[in-house]
C-alpha cells in the first residue's frame, strides 16, 4: 500500500492506493493527478 497526496484550495486530500494501482497509473512523485471523490461515508477528525 502507498498513499497519494493532492493539494487543493484550502487543504490537502490523501488517498490510500495499492502498489498495483500506482503501477497501472504509472504514478511517481510529481505526476499530475485528478481527484474523483465517490463515497457513501466520510470520516472527520479535529486537526
C-alpha atoms as a PDB file:
ATOM      1  CA  UNK A   1       0.000   0.000   0.000  1.00  0.00           C
ATOM      2  CA  UNK A   2       1.016   3.530  -0.630  1.00  0.00           C
ATOM      3  CA  UNK A   3      -0.585   6.928  -0.435  1.00  0.00           C
ATOM      4  CA  UNK A   4      -1.246   9.808  -2.779  1.00  0.00           C
ATOM      5  CA  UNK A   5      -1.494  13.385  -1.560  1.00  0.00           C
ATOM      6  CA  UNK A   6      -3.066  16.168  -3.596  1.00  0.00           C
ATOM      7  CA  UNK A   7      -3.046  19.811  -2.542  1.00  0.00           C
ATOM      8  CA  UNK A   8      -6.368  21.546  -3.140  1.00  0.00           C
ATOM      9  CA  UNK A   9      -7.613  25.018  -2.360  1.00  0.00           C
ATOM     10  CA  UNK A  10      -7.910  25.219   1.405  1.00  0.00           C
ATOM     11  CA  UNK A  11      -6.306  21.887   2.224  1.00  0.00           C
ATOM     12  CA  UNK A  12      -4.958  18.558   1.107  1.00  0.00           C
ATOM     13  CA  UNK A  13      -6.555  15.272   0.019  1.00  0.00           C
ATOM     14  CA  UNK A  14      -4.947  11.966   0.912  1.00  0.00           C
ATOM     15  CA  UNK A  15      -5.770   8.568  -0.567  1.00  0.00           C
ATOM     16  CA  UNK A  16      -4.611   5.016   0.126  1.00  0.00           C
ATOM     17  CA  UNK A  17      -3.633   3.220  -3.073  1.00  0.00           C
ATOM     18  CA  UNK A  18      -2.348  -0.260  -3.854  1.00  0.00           C
ATOM     19  CA  UNK A  19       1.020  -0.823  -5.484  1.00  0.00           C
ATOM     20  CA  UNK A  20      -0.752  -2.376  -8.488  1.00  0.00           C
ATOM     21  CA  UNK A  21      -2.940   0.712  -8.934  1.00  0.00           C
ATOM     22  CA  UNK A  22       0.094   3.011  -8.694  1.00  0.00           C
ATOM     23  CA  UNK A  23       1.892   0.920 -11.322  1.00  0.00           C
ATOM     24  CA  UNK A  24      -1.186   0.845 -13.598  1.00  0.00           C
ATOM     25  CA  UNK A  25      -1.372   4.655 -13.403  1.00  0.00           C
ATOM     26  CA  UNK A  26       2.442   4.959 -13.781  1.00  0.00           C
ATOM     27  CA  UNK A  27       2.492   7.238 -10.724  1.00  0.00           C
ATOM     28  CA  UNK A  28       5.678   8.782  -9.430  1.00  0.00           C
ATOM     29  CA  UNK A  29       6.346  11.860  -7.266  1.00  0.00           C
ATOM     30  CA  UNK A  30       5.139  14.961  -9.107  1.00  0.00           C
ATOM     31  CA  UNK A  31       2.832  13.139 -11.533  1.00  0.00           C
ATOM     32  CA  UNK A  32      -0.270  15.313 -12.114  1.00  0.00           C
ATOM     33  CA  UNK A  33      -3.495  13.619 -10.962  1.00  0.00           C
ATOM     34  CA  UNK A  34      -7.207  14.386 -10.873  1.00  0.00           C
ATOM     35  CA  UNK A  35      -9.139  13.571  -7.700  1.00  0.00           C
ATOM     36  CA  UNK A  36     -12.557  11.969  -8.160  1.00  0.00           C
ATOM     37  CA  UNK A  37     -14.455  11.609  -4.902  1.00  0.00           C
ATOM     38  CA  UNK A  38     -17.131   8.931  -4.521  1.00  0.00           C
ATOM     39  CA  UNK A  39     -18.099   7.958  -1.008  1.00  0.00           C
ATOM     40  CA  UNK A  40     -21.089   6.813   0.956  1.00  0.00           C
ATOM     41  CA  UNK A  41     -19.428   7.868   4.217  1.00  0.00           C
ATOM     42  CA  UNK A  42     -16.862  10.468   5.210  1.00  0.00           C
ATOM     43  CA  UNK A  43     -14.885  10.360   8.451  1.00  0.00           C
ATOM     44  CA  UNK A  44     -13.828  13.639  10.044  1.00  0.00           C
ATOM     45  CA  UNK A  45     -11.356  14.383  12.815  1.00  0.00           C
ATOM     46  CA  UNK A  46     -10.220  17.555  14.503  1.00  0.00           C
ATOM     47  CA  UNK A  47      -6.869  18.950  13.416  1.00  0.00           C
END
